[in-house]
Structure formats: structure tokens, C-alpha cells
Amino acid sequence: MNNQYNGAIGAIDHTMNERMTVPKFNYERRLSVDTPELVRALANRLMYTVGKDHIIAKDRDWYFALAFVVRERLMERWMQTMRNYYRQDCKRVYYFSLEFLIGRSLSNSLLNIGFPEECRAALREVSLDLEALSECEPDVALGNGGLGRLAACFLDSLASLALPGFGYGIRYEYGMFRQGIEDGRQVEHPDNWLRYGNPWEFPRAEKLYPVRFGGHVVNYKDDDGSRCLRKPCAETSPVWEGSDPVSRIRSLSESNFA
């Protein structure tokens, strides 16, 4: 049995090594962050990804185009980090939280990767303002408050310290709340932060997990006398997995938010 197990593990290791060494991809070549190349990339993302012509594009369209440009450069670092994890077979931290107040990813990623001024100059070339586009991004608040901000800080710290880690949370359909002032009073409205989509996430539609809602928990013992739990009369819904990269301050290390 041990020989069969060791043989299976050896086959898996051999397969992983082949996947990491056979492809002849040029990982060393990085996407440029100089101003002319950013202008070109911005125009391409607006046309080929957002599907808008510059004549009719609104600020939100340009924001999405800019987010995709920044995300491409962030992904280079994310993939390099993940390859290093696989090659070193390192242990990872998995942080679970029902709340994550991760805030706005555009300005955070620009500062962490280190090209906000080049991006600002590229936007000026096409008569756009970085701060105005940044306001198009919702302030993502998935939870109720302080614990969610703490959870997001943990992910930032993991990335900044180059510690391999993942954050697991819930992709709520609505955020904490949207504040407004009406007749001199504060009012709260639903925060539909996904109304226009989220350019930072990578849906993994091939990964579905059954989640059971409602019902009740029943304690029982099996034939061996071991304590077991089951949840009858529950409604089961499939839930898909997604990933958001979390960048480290001017570094090659990123953590994951799933």
C-alpha cells in the first residue's frame, strides 16, 4: 500500500514539475508602465474589453478600461508569486472571515505596484483625470465594520511581509450600506456594489460548492459510536469560487482574496 501511495505521489510531483518547466513562455518580459505604452493599453482595453468607442465612452467606461490595464500588470506579479509557491512547496496561511472591508483596489494597486504618476500622465494625454475615474469605483465593504477592516489589513500585511496566504470570505451581493443625507438626516440605502460588475475578480465557474441554508442540525452516533452531525430539511444552493489579487507595497508578492 505504501509503495502504491509513494508511486502516486511521485507521479503527481513529476506532472507538476513538467507543467512548470515544459512551457516556453517568456515570463521575464514585463508589460511596460511608461506613459506612451499605458495610453496604448488604455485604448485597447476600452475597445477590446469594455467594448466602447472613445467618442461615446463615459467616465465609468474609462474606469473599467484603466482597471483592466492595472490588473494586467498586477497579474504578472501575482502569477510569479504563485509559481514561486508551487516550486518551493511552501506552507500557506488561510484566513477565514465573514467580513472584508477591502476598499478601493484601483488607487491601492497603483500605489503598491509603483506607477501612479505614469498613469496620471497617460490619462492627461486623453483628457482624463485619475481622481475622477477613481470615484467610479465602489468602496467595497463586505460586512458590518471593524472586523472586516481588520481582516483586510491582515491580507495587506501578509502580502507586504511576503507570507504565502489566502483570505476566504463571502462575496455578498450587497455591501454594508450607502449613506445619504435627506432633509438634514442621515439615511441608509442598500449598497449595490456589483451593479456595474467588478473588474478585479476572476470567477472560477468550474468550482461549485453546495451550501445548505435553513433546516436544523441533528446529533447522532454512527454504528461505531462516533458522534456525527447532519442537517436535514435544508435548502442547498451551488456557490462558485472567485479570486481577487491583493498587492504588496512595491513588491513581487501578492496574496489572494477568494
Foldseek 3Di string as FASTA:
>chain_A
DVVVVVVVVVVVVVVLVCVLPVDPDDLPDAQDLAQVSLLVQLCCCLCPPVNDDPVPDDLQSSLLSLLLVLLRRLVSLAVVLVSVCSVVVDDEAEAEDQWAQQFQDRVQSCQQQPRPVSNQVNQVVVPHGPVVSSVSADRATRDADDVNHVLNVVQQVCQQVLGEYEYEYDPDQWHHWDWDADPNDIDTHTHRNCPPHDSQKAWPQVDKDKDWADADKDWDADPVRDIDIDGPPTDIDIDTDMWGWAHYRNDSGIYIYD
